[in-house]
Amino acid sequence: MAAATYPTIREAAQALGIHQSTLVVQINRLERDLGQPLLERVEPGRAMKLTPFGEWPSQQRRSA
C-alpha cells in the first residue's frame, strides 16, 4: 500500500498526485472490501500507522 510509506494521508495524496478525499475513499473502500482496517486512524497531522492486518501484505511482498 503506497500510502503507508508517507507519514500522513495528505502527504501520500500529494505524492500520488490525487486529492486527499480521493485517497481516503479508496482506502475506505479497500478496508470495507477486505473486512478489516489497514490503517490506524490518528489525530489529524500525526503519522499514520498500519494495523497488523495492513502490515501483512507488506511483509509478504518483502519476503517474495
Protein backbone atom coordinates (compact mmCIF):
# COMPACT_ATOMS: atom_id res chain seq x y z
CA MET A 1 0.00 0.00 0.00
CA ALA A 2 1.82 3.05 -1.31
CA ALA A 3 0.12 5.48 1.08
CA ALA A 4 1.68 3.76 4.09
CA THR A 5 5.15 4.95 3.08
CA TYR A 6 4.14 8.55 3.87
CA PRO A 7 3.55 9.96 7.34
CA THR A 8 0.11 11.42 6.62
CA ILE A 9 -2.75 10.83 4.20
CA ARG A 10 -2.32 14.39 2.92
CA GLU A 11 1.33 13.83 2.05
CA ALA A 12 0.57 10.47 0.45
CA ALA A 13 -2.16 12.00 -1.71
CA GLN A 14 0.14 14.83 -2.80
CA ALA A 15 2.91 12.40 -3.72
CA LEU A 16 0.46 10.20 -5.62
CA GLY A 17 -0.96 13.21 -7.45
CA ILE A 18 -4.54 12.80 -6.21
CA HIS A 19 -6.83 14.67 -3.83
CA GLN A 20 -6.79 13.66 -0.18
CA SER A 21 -10.50 12.87 -0.27
CA THR A 22 -9.97 10.53 -3.24
CA LEU A 23 -7.30 8.61 -1.36
CA VAL A 24 -9.46 8.38 1.75
CA VAL A 25 -12.36 6.99 -0.32
CA GLN A 26 -10.04 4.42 -1.92
CA ILE A 27 -8.60 3.32 1.42
CA ASN A 28 -12.07 3.11 2.99
CA ARG A 29 -13.34 1.04 0.06
CA LEU A 30 -10.39 -1.33 0.28
CA GLU A 31 -10.86 -1.74 4.04
CA ARG A 32 -14.57 -2.39 3.54
CA ASP A 33 -13.87 -4.98 0.83
CA LEU A 34 -11.26 -6.73 2.98
CA GLY A 35 -13.39 -6.50 6.12
CA GLN A 36 -10.63 -5.08 8.30
CA PRO A 37 -8.88 -1.75 8.80
CA LEU A 38 -5.49 -1.31 7.13
CA LEU A 39 -4.52 1.94 8.86
CA GLU A 40 -4.85 3.12 12.43
CA ARG A 41 -6.80 6.36 12.46
CA VAL A 42 -4.94 9.02 14.42
CA GLU A 43 -5.30 12.71 15.10
CA PRO A 44 -5.02 14.96 12.03
CA GLY A 45 -1.42 15.77 11.21
CA ARG A 46 0.00 12.82 13.15
CA ALA A 47 1.80 9.98 11.42
CA MET A 48 -0.44 7.12 10.33
CA LYS A 49 0.40 3.52 11.14
CA LEU A 50 -0.52 0.26 9.51
CA THR A 51 -2.60 -2.14 11.55
CA PRO A 52 -1.22 -5.68 11.92
CA PHE A 53 -3.60 -6.68 9.11
CA GLY A 54 -2.29 -3.81 6.98
CA GLU A 55 1.31 -4.85 7.63
CA TRP A 56 0.75 -8.41 6.43
CA PRO A 57 0.74 -7.66 2.66
CA SER A 58 3.87 -5.53 3.04
CA GLN A 59 5.66 -8.33 4.86
CA GLN A 60 4.61 -10.84 2.19
CA ARG A 61 5.83 -8.57 -0.61
CA ARG A 62 9.22 -8.09 1.08
CA SER A 63 9.77 -11.83 1.56
CA ALA A 64 8.91 -12.68 -2.06
